Protein backbone atom coordinates (compact mmCIF):
# COMPACT_ATOMS: atom_id res chain seq x y z
CA MET A 1 3.26 -3.12 5.09
CA CYS A 2 2.64 0.24 6.19
CA THR A 3 6.16 2.76 6.78
CA LEU A 4 6.10 5.14 9.98
CA ASP A 5 6.34 7.76 7.49
CA PHE A 6 4.61 8.86 4.35
CA TYR A 7 7.51 8.99 1.57
CA GLU A 8 10.95 7.94 2.84
CA GLY A 9 9.86 4.43 3.89
CA GLN A 10 9.00 3.46 0.55
CA GLY A 11 12.23 2.89 -0.29
CA PRO A 12 12.11 5.94 -3.18
CA LEU A 13 15.47 7.24 -4.91
CA ASP A 14 13.98 10.41 -6.64
CA GLY A 15 12.35 12.05 -3.04
CA VAL A 16 13.74 15.07 -1.88
CA LEU A 17 14.79 13.33 0.82
CA CYS A 18 17.54 10.00 0.45
CA SER A 19 19.87 9.43 2.29
CA TYR A 20 20.44 5.82 0.78
CA THR A 21 21.60 4.54 -2.69
CA GLU A 22 20.53 2.25 -5.04
CA LYS A 23 22.15 -0.51 -3.38
CA ASP A 24 20.45 0.06 -0.04
CA LYS A 25 17.22 0.04 -1.41
CA GLN A 26 17.02 -3.05 -3.13
CA GLN A 27 18.57 -4.77 -0.10
CA TYR A 28 15.65 -3.17 2.16
CA LEU A 29 12.92 -3.92 -0.72
CA ARG A 30 14.52 -7.32 -1.49
CA ALA A 31 14.55 -8.28 2.60
CA ALA A 32 10.98 -7.02 2.67
CA TYR A 33 9.95 -9.16 0.00
CA GLU A 34 11.87 -12.15 1.50
CA ALA A 35 9.63 -11.68 4.59
CA GLY A 36 6.20 -11.93 2.46
CA ILE A 37 5.75 -8.24 1.95
CA ARG A 38 4.38 -7.30 -1.56
CA ASN A 39 2.78 -3.93 -0.96
CA ILE A 40 4.08 -0.86 0.95
CA GLU A 41 1.43 1.25 1.91
CA VAL A 42 1.88 4.95 3.89
CA GLU A 43 -1.43 5.75 5.50
CA SER A 44 -3.32 2.80 7.12
CA SER A 45 -1.34 2.69 10.35
CA VAL A 46 -3.10 5.91 11.63
CA PHE A 47 -6.32 4.73 10.21
CA ALA A 48 -6.15 1.60 12.31
CA ALA A 49 -5.01 3.67 15.24
CA MET A 50 -7.70 6.04 15.07
CA CYS A 51 -10.20 3.35 14.68
CA ASN A 52 -8.97 1.42 17.26
CA ALA A 53 -9.12 4.42 19.72
CA CYS A 54 -13.26 4.95 19.12
CA SER A 55 -13.51 1.21 18.75
CA LEU A 56 -14.75 0.69 15.61
CA PRO A 57 -14.26 -2.22 13.34
CA ALA A 58 -12.00 -1.39 10.52
CA ALA A 59 -9.94 -2.76 7.65
CA VAL A 60 -7.63 -1.62 4.91
CA VAL A 61 -7.30 -2.47 1.20
CA CYS A 62 -4.46 -1.48 -1.08
CA VAL A 63 -4.00 -1.51 -4.59
CA THR A 64 -0.34 -1.77 -5.76
CA LEU A 65 0.91 0.42 -8.64
CA LEU A 66 4.24 -0.54 -9.24
CA ASP A 67 7.14 -2.83 -8.74
CA ARG A 68 9.52 -0.78 -6.32
CA LEU A 69 12.17 -3.22 -7.35
CA GLU A 70 12.03 -2.25 -10.79
CA GLY A 71 11.60 1.71 -10.14
CA ASP A 72 9.94 4.45 -8.36
CA GLN A 73 7.50 6.05 -10.93
CA ILE A 74 4.09 4.96 -11.93
CA SER A 75 4.25 4.29 -15.56
CA SER A 76 0.59 2.36 -16.33
CA PRO A 77 -2.01 4.48 -18.56
CA HIS A 78 -4.69 6.13 -17.11
CA GLU A 79 -7.12 3.35 -18.03
CA VAL A 80 -5.40 0.94 -16.18
CA LEU A 81 -4.77 3.26 -12.59
CA ALA A 82 -9.01 3.74 -13.20
CA GLU A 83 -9.08 -0.34 -12.76
CA TYR A 84 -7.27 -0.39 -10.34
CA GLN A 85 -9.32 2.30 -8.31
CA GLN A 86 -12.69 0.79 -8.95
CA ARG A 87 -10.83 -3.14 -7.65
CA PRO A 88 -11.28 -2.16 -4.27
CA GLN A 89 -14.65 -0.84 -4.33
CA ARG A 90 -15.88 -4.09 -5.69
CA LEU A 91 -13.91 -5.97 -3.18
CA VAL A 92 -15.66 -4.04 -0.16
CA GLY A 93 -19.09 -3.75 -1.93
CA ARG A 94 -18.68 -7.64 -2.41
CA PHE A 95 -17.83 -8.81 1.33
CA ILE A 96 -20.21 -5.86 2.38
CA LYS A 97 -23.25 -8.34 0.59
CA LYS A 98 -21.93 -11.32 1.63
CA CYS A 99 -22.02 -9.74 5.14
CA LEU A 100 -26.01 -8.62 4.89
CA SER A 101 -26.68 -11.39 3.34
CA ALA A 102 -25.69 -13.98 6.08
CA ALA A 103 -27.90 -11.64 8.54
């Protein structure tokens, strides 16, 4: 899911602007989870809109860094985050190779 804003649409309680409670946050996140949402992304809608406006085929690959039902802060070690950063690059690289070999 992509939010309409950078921060608040993810449901964090530790931001500068916060107009909801922990209970509100949990209800929002549980409803999203029950609807099948497993990641909240904050920039892809603008990227997709720009690509669409230019008739460029595009895709978005996301990495989930934390479980917002458990908290708002990333606590993974640097090594784990570095690995997470590599995963979408490997995925896209394999996809491109597959497309090129089929052509």
